[in-house]
PDB file of all heavy atoms in Angstrom:
ATOM      1  N   ASP A   1    -259.972-211.926  11.717  1.00  0.00           N
ATOM      2  CA  ASP A   1    -260.655-212.227  10.444  1.00  0.00           C
ATOM      3  C   ASP A   1    -259.675-212.698   9.382  1.00  0.00           C
ATOM      4  O   ASP A   1    -259.946-212.604   8.175  1.00  0.00           O
ATOM      5  CB  ASP A   1    -261.400-210.979   9.940  1.00  0.00           C
ATOM      6  CG  ASP A   1    -262.739-210.809  10.642  1.00  0.00           C
ATOM      7  OD1 ASP A   1    -263.083-211.668  11.468  1.00  0.00           O
ATOM      8  OD2 ASP A   1    -263.430-209.809  10.360  1.00  0.00           O
ATOM      9  N   ASN A   2    -258.507-213.187   9.842  1.00  0.00           N
ATOM     10  CA  ASN A   2    -257.471-213.704   8.940  1.00  0.00           C
ATOM     11  C   ASN A   2    -256.973-212.665   7.940  1.00  0.00           C
ATOM     12  O   ASN A   2    -256.613-212.997   6.806  1.00  0.00           O
ATOM     13  CB  ASN A   2    -257.992-214.943   8.183  1.00  0.00           C
ATOM     14  CG  ASN A   2    -258.344-216.086   9.118  1.00  0.00           C
ATOM     15  OD1 ASN A   2    -257.617-216.367  10.062  1.00  0.00           O
ATOM     16  ND2 ASN A   2    -259.478-216.723   8.872  1.00  0.00           N
ATOM     17  N   GLY A   3    -256.956-211.421   8.379  1.00  0.00           N
ATOM     18  CA  GLY A   3    -256.452-210.359   7.523  1.00  0.00           C
ATOM     19  C   GLY A   3    -254.981-210.075   7.782  1.00  0.00           C
ATOM     20  O   GLY A   3    -254.359-210.628   8.688  1.00  0.00           O
ATOM     21  N   VAL A   4    -254.434-209.185   6.955  1.00  0.00           N
ATOM     22  CA  VAL A   4    -253.038-208.752   7.096  1.00  0.00           C
ATOM     23  C   VAL A   4    -253.042-207.269   7.428  1.00  0.00           C
ATOM     24  O   VAL A   4    -253.603-206.455   6.688  1.00  0.00           O
ATOM     25  CB  VAL A   4    -252.241-209.008   5.799  1.00  0.00           C
ATOM     26  CG1 VAL A   4    -250.817-208.469   5.930  1.00  0.00           C
ATOM     27  CG2 VAL A   4    -252.225-210.492   5.471  1.00  0.00           C
ATOM     28  N   TRP A   5    -252.432-206.919   8.542  1.00  0.00           N
ATOM     29  CA  TRP A   5    -252.388-205.529   8.991  1.00  0.00           C
ATOM     30  C   TRP A   5    -251.126-204.851   8.470  1.00  0.00           C
ATOM     31  O   TRP A   5    -250.013-205.304   8.699  1.00  0.00           O
ATOM     32  CB  TRP A   5    -252.419-205.479  10.513  1.00  0.00           C
ATOM     33  CG  TRP A   5    -252.557-204.088  11.071  1.00  0.00           C
ATOM     34  CD1 TRP A   5    -251.563-203.281  11.525  1.00  0.00           C
ATOM     35  CD2 TRP A   5    -253.773-203.345  11.216  1.00  0.00           C
ATOM     36  NE1 TRP A   5    -252.076-202.089  11.959  1.00  0.00           N
ATOM     37  CE2 TRP A   5    -253.432-202.094  11.785  1.00  0.00           C
ATOM     38  CE3 TRP A   5    -255.110-203.620  10.935  1.00  0.00           C
ATOM     39  CZ2 TRP A   5    -254.378-201.123  12.063  1.00  0.00           C
ATOM     40  CZ3 TRP A   5    -256.053-202.650  11.227  1.00  0.00           C
ATOM     41  CH2 TRP A   5    -255.691-201.416  11.783  1.00  0.00           C
ATOM     42  N   ASN A   6    -251.296-203.766   7.750  1.00  0.00           N
ATOM     43  CA  ASN A   6    -250.173-203.028   7.187  1.00  0.00           C
ATOM     44  C   ASN A   6    -250.032-201.695   7.907  1.00  0.00           C
ATOM     45  O   ASN A   6    -250.783-200.756   7.652  1.00  0.00           O
ATOM     46  CB  ASN A   6    -250.388-202.797   5.685  1.00  0.00           C
ATOM     47  CG  ASN A   6    -250.500-204.092   4.914  1.00  0.00           C
ATOM     48  OD1 ASN A   6    -249.616-204.927   4.979  1.00  0.00           O
ATOM     49  ND2 ASN A   6    -251.619-204.275   4.206  1.00  0.00           N
ATOM     50  N   GLY A   7    -249.085-201.632   8.842  1.00  0.00           N
ATOM     51  CA  GLY A   7    -248.826-200.410   9.593  1.00  0.00           C
ATOM     52  C   GLY A   7    -247.339-200.242   9.820  1.00  0.00           C
ATOM     53  O   GLY A   7    -246.536-201.092   9.428  1.00  0.00           O
ATOM     54  N   PHE A   8    -246.967-199.153  10.451  1.00  0.00           N
ATOM     55  CA  PHE A   8    -245.551-198.912  10.751  1.00  0.00           C
ATOM     56  C   PHE A   8    -245.199-199.684  12.007  1.00  0.00           C
ATOM     57  O   PHE A   8    -245.506-199.274  13.124  1.00  0.00           O
ATOM     58  CB  PHE A   8    -245.270-197.422  10.933  1.00  0.00           C
ATOM     59  CG  PHE A   8    -243.805-197.108  11.054  1.00  0.00           C
ATOM     60  CD1 PHE A   8    -242.976-197.178   9.943  1.00  0.00           C
ATOM     61  CD2 PHE A   8    -243.250-196.769  12.278  1.00  0.00           C
ATOM     62  CE1 PHE A   8    -241.623-196.907  10.041  1.00  0.00           C
ATOM     63  CE2 PHE A   8    -241.901-196.492  12.393  1.00  0.00           C
ATOM     64  CZ  PHE A   8    -241.082-196.566  11.273  1.00  0.00           C
ATOM     65  N   ASP A   9    -244.553-200.821  11.816  1.00  0.00           N
ATOM     66  CA  ASP A   9    -244.275-201.776  12.888  1.00  0.00           C
ATOM     67  C   ASP A   9    -242.840-201.596  13.387  1.00  0.00           C
ATOM     68  O   ASP A   9    -241.907-202.235  12.892  1.00  0.00           O
ATOM     69  CB  ASP A   9    -244.495-203.199  12.374  1.00  0.00           C
ATOM     70  CG  ASP A   9    -244.275-204.252  13.447  1.00  0.00           C
ATOM     71  OD1 ASP A   9    -244.246-203.889  14.637  1.00  0.00           O
ATOM     72  OD2 ASP A   9    -244.143-205.438  13.092  1.00  0.00           O
ATOM     73  N   ILE A  10    -242.648-200.711  14.368  1.00  0.00           N
ATOM     74  CA  ILE A  10    -241.324-200.535  14.958  1.00  0.00           C
ATOM     75  C   ILE A  10    -240.873-201.867  15.538  1.00  0.00           C
ATOM     76  O   ILE A  10    -241.629-202.537  16.240  1.00  0.00           O
ATOM     77  CB  ILE A  10    -241.348-199.459  16.057  1.00  0.00           C
ATOM     78  CG1 ILE A  10    -241.789-198.112  15.479  1.00  0.00           C
ATOM     79  CG2 ILE A  10    -239.974-199.318  16.720  1.00  0.00           C
ATOM     80  CD1 ILE A  10    -242.007-197.038  16.539  1.00  0.00           C
ATOM     81  N   SER A  11    -239.656-202.267  15.252  1.00  0.00           N
ATOM     82  CA  SER A  11    -239.185-203.588  15.643  1.00  0.00           C
ATOM     83  C   SER A  11    -239.049-203.706  17.158  1.00  0.00           C
ATOM     84  O   SER A  11    -238.084-203.212  17.755  1.00  0.00           O
ATOM     85  CB  SER A  11    -237.838-203.897  14.977  1.00  0.00           C
ATOM     86  OG  SER A  11    -237.370-205.154  15.414  1.00  0.00           O
ATOM     87  N   GLY A  12    -240.019-204.389  17.760  1.00  0.00           N
ATOM     88  CA  GLY A  12    -239.948-204.642  19.191  1.00  0.00           C
ATOM     89  C   GLY A  12    -238.787-205.550  19.543  1.00  0.00           C
ATOM     90  O   GLY A  12    -238.191-205.431  20.619  1.00  0.00           O
ATOM     91  N   HIS A  13    -238.436-206.472  18.628  1.00  0.00           N
ATOM     92  CA  HIS A  13    -237.298-207.349  18.865  1.00  0.00           C
ATOM     93  C   HIS A  13    -235.996-206.559  18.917  1.00  0.00           C
ATOM     94  O   HIS A  13    -235.162-206.780  19.805  1.00  0.00           O
ATOM     95  CB  HIS A  13    -237.220-208.422  17.772  1.00  0.00           C
ATOM     96  CG  HIS A  13    -238.206-209.524  17.966  1.00  0.00           C
ATOM     97  ND1 HIS A  13    -238.255-210.633  17.154  1.00  0.00           N
ATOM     98  CD2 HIS A  13    -239.197-209.698  18.875  1.00  0.00           C
ATOM     99  CE1 HIS A  13    -239.225-211.439  17.551  1.00  0.00           C
ATOM    100  NE2 HIS A  13    -239.821-210.878  18.595  1.00  0.00           N
ATOM    101  N   CYS A  14    -235.797-205.653  17.962  1.00  0.00           N
ATOM    102  CA  CYS A  14    -234.570-204.850  17.961  1.00  0.00           C
ATOM    103  C   CYS A  14    -234.485-203.997  19.223  1.00  0.00           C
ATOM    104  O   CYS A  14    -233.401-203.850  19.809  1.00  0.00           O
ATOM    105  CB  CYS A  14    -234.512-203.968  16.714  1.00  0.00           C
ATOM    106  SG  CYS A  14    -234.052-204.856  15.216  1.00  0.00           S
ATOM    107  N   PHE A  15    -235.597-203.438  19.638  1.00  0.00           N
ATOM    108  CA  PHE A  15    -235.617-202.643  20.871  1.00  0.00           C
ATOM    109  C   PHE A  15    -235.278-203.494  22.085  1.00  0.00           C
ATOM    110  O   PHE A  15    -234.344-203.201  22.838  1.00  0.00           O
ATOM    111  CB  PHE A  15    -236.986-201.985  21.057  1.00  0.00           C
ATOM    112  CG  PHE A  15    -237.330-201.719  22.495  1.00  0.00           C
ATOM    113  CD1 PHE A  15    -236.662-200.733  23.216  1.00  0.00           C
ATOM    114  CD2 PHE A  15    -238.304-202.476  23.148  1.00  0.00           C
ATOM    115  CE1 PHE A  15    -236.960-200.502  24.556  1.00  0.00           C
ATOM    116  CE2 PHE A  15    -238.602-202.258  24.476  1.00  0.00           C
ATOM    117  CZ  PHE A  15    -237.934-201.261  25.185  1.00  0.00           C
ATOM    118  N   LEU A  16    -236.037-204.574  22.282  1.00  0.00           N
ATOM    119  CA  LEU A  16    -235.923-205.340  23.524  1.00  0.00           C
ATOM    120  C   LEU A  16    -234.612-206.109  23.600  1.00  0.00           C
ATOM    121  O   LEU A  16    -233.974-206.158  24.654  1.00  0.00           O
ATOM    122  CB  LEU A  16    -237.112-206.292  23.656  1.00  0.00           C
ATOM    123  CG  LEU A  16    -237.219-207.043  24.983  1.00  0.00           C
ATOM    124  CD1 LEU A  16    -237.258-206.066  26.151  1.00  0.00           C
ATOM    125  CD2 LEU A  16    -238.441-207.947  24.990  1.00  0.00           C
ATOM    126  N   LEU A  17    -234.188-206.719  22.491  1.00  0.00           N
ATOM    127  CA  LEU A  17    -232.951-207.498  22.520  1.00  0.00           C
ATOM    128  C   LEU A  17    -231.741-206.608  22.756  1.00  0.00           C
ATOM    129  O   LEU A  17    -230.816-206.987  23.489  1.00  0.00           O
ATOM    130  CB  LEU A  17    -232.799-208.280  21.214  1.00  0.00           C
ATOM    131  CG  LEU A  17    -233.849-209.375  20.986  1.00  0.00           C
ATOM    132  CD1 LEU A  17    -233.668-210.005  19.608  1.00  0.00           C
ATOM    133  CD2 LEU A  17    -233.774-210.446  22.065  1.00  0.00           C
ATOM    134  N   SER A  18    -231.743-205.426  22.150  1.00  0.00           N
ATOM    135  CA  SER A  18    -230.618-204.506  22.382  1.00  0.00           C
ATOM    136  C   SER A  18    -230.626-204.016  23.829  1.00  0.00           C
ATOM    137  O   SER A  18    -229.579-203.978  24.485  1.00  0.00           O
ATOM    138  CB  SER A  18    -230.674-203.324  21.411  1.00  0.00           C
ATOM    139  OG  SER A  18    -231.877-202.584  21.564  1.00  0.00           O
ATOM    140  N   TYR A  19    -231.789-203.652  24.341  1.00  0.00           N
ATOM    141  CA  TYR A  19    -231.869-203.149  25.715  1.00  0.00           C
ATOM    142  C   TYR A  19    -231.487-204.227  26.726  1.00  0.00           C
ATOM    143  O   TYR A  19    -230.733-203.967  27.675  1.00  0.00           O
ATOM    144  CB  TYR A  19    -233.278-202.631  25.998  1.00  0.00           C
ATOM    145  CG  TYR A  19    -233.435-202.067  27.385  1.00  0.00           C
ATOM    146  CD1 TYR A  19    -232.700-200.964  27.792  1.00  0.00           C
ATOM    147  CD2 TYR A  19    -234.310-202.639  28.298  1.00  0.00           C
ATOM    148  CE1 TYR A  19    -232.830-200.447  29.070  1.00  0.00           C
ATOM    149  CE2 TYR A  19    -234.456-202.130  29.576  1.00  0.00           C
ATOM    150  CZ  TYR A  19    -233.712-201.030  29.958  1.00  0.00           C
ATOM    151  OH  TYR A  19    -233.833-200.527  31.228  1.00  0.00           O
ATOM    152  N   CYS A  20    -231.972-205.456  26.530  1.00  0.00           N
ATOM    153  CA  CYS A  20    -231.659-206.546  27.453  1.00  0.00           C
ATOM    154  C   CYS A  20    -230.164-206.859  27.431  1.00  0.00           C
ATOM    155  O   CYS A  20    -229.548-207.053  28.489  1.00  0.00           O
ATOM    156  CB  CYS A  20    -232.458-207.794  27.086  1.00  0.00           C
ATOM    157  SG  CYS A  20    -234.213-207.724  27.521  1.00  0.00           S
ATOM    158  N   ALA A  21    -229.567-206.933  26.247  1.00  0.00           N
ATOM    159  CA  ALA A  21    -228.139-207.242  26.149  1.00  0.00           C
ATOM    160  C   ALA A  21    -227.300-206.164  26.827  1.00  0.00           C
ATOM    161  O   ALA A  21    -226.365-206.461  27.585  1.00  0.00           O
ATOM    162  CB  ALA A  21    -227.735-207.388  24.682  1.00  0.00           C
ATOM    163  N   LEU A  22    -227.629-204.904  26.587  1.00  0.00           N
ATOM    164  CA  LEU A  22    -226.874-203.804  27.186  1.00  0.00           C
ATOM    165  C   LEU A  22    -227.053-203.770  28.699  1.00  0.00           C
ATOM    166  O   LEU A  22    -226.103-203.499  29.451  1.00  0.00           O
ATOM    167  CB  LEU A  22    -227.314-202.478  26.565  1.00  0.00           C
ATOM    168  CG  LEU A  22    -226.895-202.258  25.114  1.00  0.00           C
ATOM    169  CD1 LEU A  22    -227.652-201.083  24.504  1.00  0.00           C
ATOM    170  CD2 LEU A  22    -225.393-202.020  25.018  1.00  0.00           C
ATOM    171  N   MET A  23    -228.251-204.068  29.167  1.00  0.00           N
ATOM    172  CA  MET A  23    -228.507-204.071  30.611  1.00  0.00           C
ATOM    173  C   MET A  23    -227.723-205.184  31.304  1.00  0.00           C
ATOM    174  O   MET A  23    -227.131-204.979  32.370  1.00  0.00           O
ATOM    175  CB  MET A  23    -230.005-204.233  30.867  1.00  0.00           C
ATOM    176  CG  MET A  23    -230.389-204.117  32.325  1.00  0.00           C
ATOM    177  SD  MET A  23    -232.188-204.186  32.546  1.00  0.00           S
ATOM    178  CE  MET A  23    -232.313-203.932  34.314  1.00  0.00           C
ATOM    179  N   ILE A  24    -227.703-206.371  30.710  1.00  0.00           N
ATOM    180  CA  ILE A  24    -226.962-207.481  31.314  1.00  0.00           C
ATOM    181  C   ILE A  24    -225.477-207.158  31.392  1.00  0.00           C
ATOM    182  O   ILE A  24    -224.825-207.367  32.426  1.00  0.00           O
ATOM    183  CB  ILE A  24    -227.188-208.775  30.505  1.00  0.00           C
ATOM    184  CG1 ILE A  24    -228.627-209.272  30.671  1.00  0.00           C
ATOM    185  CG2 ILE A  24    -226.213-209.864  30.956  1.00  0.00           C
ATOM    186  CD1 ILE A  24    -228.989-210.439  29.783  1.00  0.00           C
ATOM    187  N   VAL A  25    -224.917-206.621  30.304  1.00  0.00           N
ATOM    188  CA  VAL A  25    -223.492-206.294  30.281  1.00  0.00           C
ATOM    189  C   VAL A  25    -223.155-205.246  31.345  1.00  0.00           C
ATOM    190  O   VAL A  25    -222.089-205.292  31.965  1.00  0.00           O
ATOM    191  CB  VAL A  25    -223.081-205.823  28.875  1.00  0.00           C
ATOM    192  CG1 VAL A  25    -221.682-205.240  28.873  1.00  0.00           C
ATOM    193  CG2 VAL A  25    -223.143-206.987  27.896  1.00  0.00           C
ATOM    194  N   GLU A  26    -224.071-204.302  31.567  1.00  0.00           N
ATOM    195  CA  GLU A  26    -223.845-203.309  32.624  1.00  0.00           C
ATOM    196  C   GLU A  26    -223.871-203.958  34.007  1.00  0.00           C
ATOM    197  O   GLU A  26    -223.033-203.661  34.863  1.00  0.00           O
ATOM    198  CB  GLU A  26    -224.916-202.215  32.555  1.00  0.00           C
ATOM    199  CG  GLU A  26    -224.775-201.261  31.381  1.00  0.00           C
ATOM    200  CD  GLU A  26    -223.610-200.301  31.556  1.00  0.00           C
ATOM    201  OE1 GLU A  26    -223.055-200.205  32.676  1.00  0.00           O
ATOM    202  OE2 GLU A  26    -223.237-199.653  30.571  1.00  0.00           O
ATOM    203  N   GLU A  27    -224.822-204.842  34.235  1.00  0.00           N
ATOM    204  CA  GLU A  27    -224.995-205.415  35.571  1.00  0.00           C
ATOM    205  C   GLU A  27    -223.871-206.388  35.938  1.00  0.00           C
ATOM    206  O   GLU A  27    -223.480-206.449  37.105  1.00  0.00           O
ATOM    207  CB  GLU A  27    -226.355-206.107  35.680  1.00  0.00           C
ATOM    208  CG  GLU A  27    -227.542-205.145  35.660  1.00  0.00           C
ATOM    209  CD  GLU A  27    -227.547-204.174  36.835  1.00  0.00           C
ATOM    210  OE1 GLU A  27    -226.905-204.478  37.859  1.00  0.00           O
ATOM    211  OE2 GLU A  27    -228.182-203.114  36.718  1.00  0.00           O
ATOM    212  N   VAL A  28    -223.351-207.146  34.979  1.00  0.00           N
ATOM    213  CA  VAL A  28    -222.277-208.082  35.321  1.00  0.00           C
ATOM    214  C   VAL A  28    -220.965-207.351  35.553  1.00  0.00           C
ATOM    215  O   VAL A  28    -219.981-207.963  35.993  1.00  0.00           O
ATOM    216  CB  VAL A  28    -222.102-209.175  34.235  1.00  0.00           C
ATOM    217  CG1 VAL A  28    -223.354-210.012  34.098  1.00  0.00           C
ATOM    218  CG2 VAL A  28    -221.681-208.583  32.899  1.00  0.00           C
ATOM    219  N   ALA A  29    -220.930-206.027  35.304  1.00  0.00           N
ATOM    220  CA  ALA A  29    -219.723-205.247  35.575  1.00  0.00           C
ATOM    221  C   ALA A  29    -219.361-205.248  37.041  1.00  0.00           C
ATOM    222  O   ALA A  29    -218.215-204.944  37.403  1.00  0.00           O
ATOM    223  CB  ALA A  29    -219.912-203.803  35.093  1.00  0.00           C
ATOM    224  N   VAL A  30    -220.298-205.605  37.913  1.00  0.00           N
ATOM    225  CA  VAL A  30    -220.007-205.645  39.345  1.00  0.00           C
ATOM    226  C   VAL A  30    -218.878-206.625  39.654  1.00  0.00           C
ATOM    227  O   VAL A  30    -218.152-206.470  40.634  1.00  0.00           O
ATOM    228  CB  VAL A  30    -221.287-206.005  40.140  1.00  0.00           C
ATOM    229  CG1 VAL A  30    -221.647-207.462  39.931  1.00  0.00           C
ATOM    230  CG2 VAL A  30    -221.106-205.704  41.618  1.00  0.00           C
ATOM    231  N   LEU A  31    -218.681-207.620  38.801  1.00  0.00           N
ATOM    232  CA  LEU A  31    -217.625-208.607  39.033  1.00  0.00           C
ATOM    233  C   LEU A  31    -216.235-207.997  38.926  1.00  0.00           C
ATOM    234  O   LEU A  31    -215.264-208.562  39.427  1.00  0.00           O
ATOM    235  CB  LEU A  31    -217.754-209.766  38.037  1.00  0.00           C
ATOM    236  CG  LEU A  31    -219.048-210.591  38.124  1.00  0.00           C
ATOM    237  CD1 LEU A  31    -218.988-211.780  37.194  1.00  0.00           C
ATOM    238  CD2 LEU A  31    -219.297-211.048  39.551  1.00  0.00           C
ATOM    239  N   GLU A  32    -216.134-206.834  38.266  1.00  0.00           N
ATOM    240  CA  GLU A  32    -214.831-206.184  38.132  1.00  0.00           C
ATOM    241  C   GLU A  32    -214.342-205.627  39.461  1.00  0.00           C
ATOM    242  O   GLU A  32    -213.164-205.308  39.605  1.00  0.00           O
ATOM    243  CB  GLU A  32    -214.919-205.062  37.091  1.00  0.00           C
ATOM    244  CG  GLU A  32    -215.213-205.559  35.688  1.00  0.00           C
ATOM    245  CD  GLU A  32    -215.420-204.417  34.709  1.00  0.00           C
ATOM    246  OE1 GLU A  32    -214.995-203.293  35.010  1.00  0.00           O
ATOM    247  OE2 GLU A  32    -216.010-204.654  33.639  1.00  0.00           O
TER     248      GLU A  32
END
């Protein structure tokens, strides 16, 4: 209805980007 929702919006970007970056860095450690 073209409204604006005002709620507590935990940052999904901060969660997912941090988790993905940390996971990749862990997995490429196999090259060591």
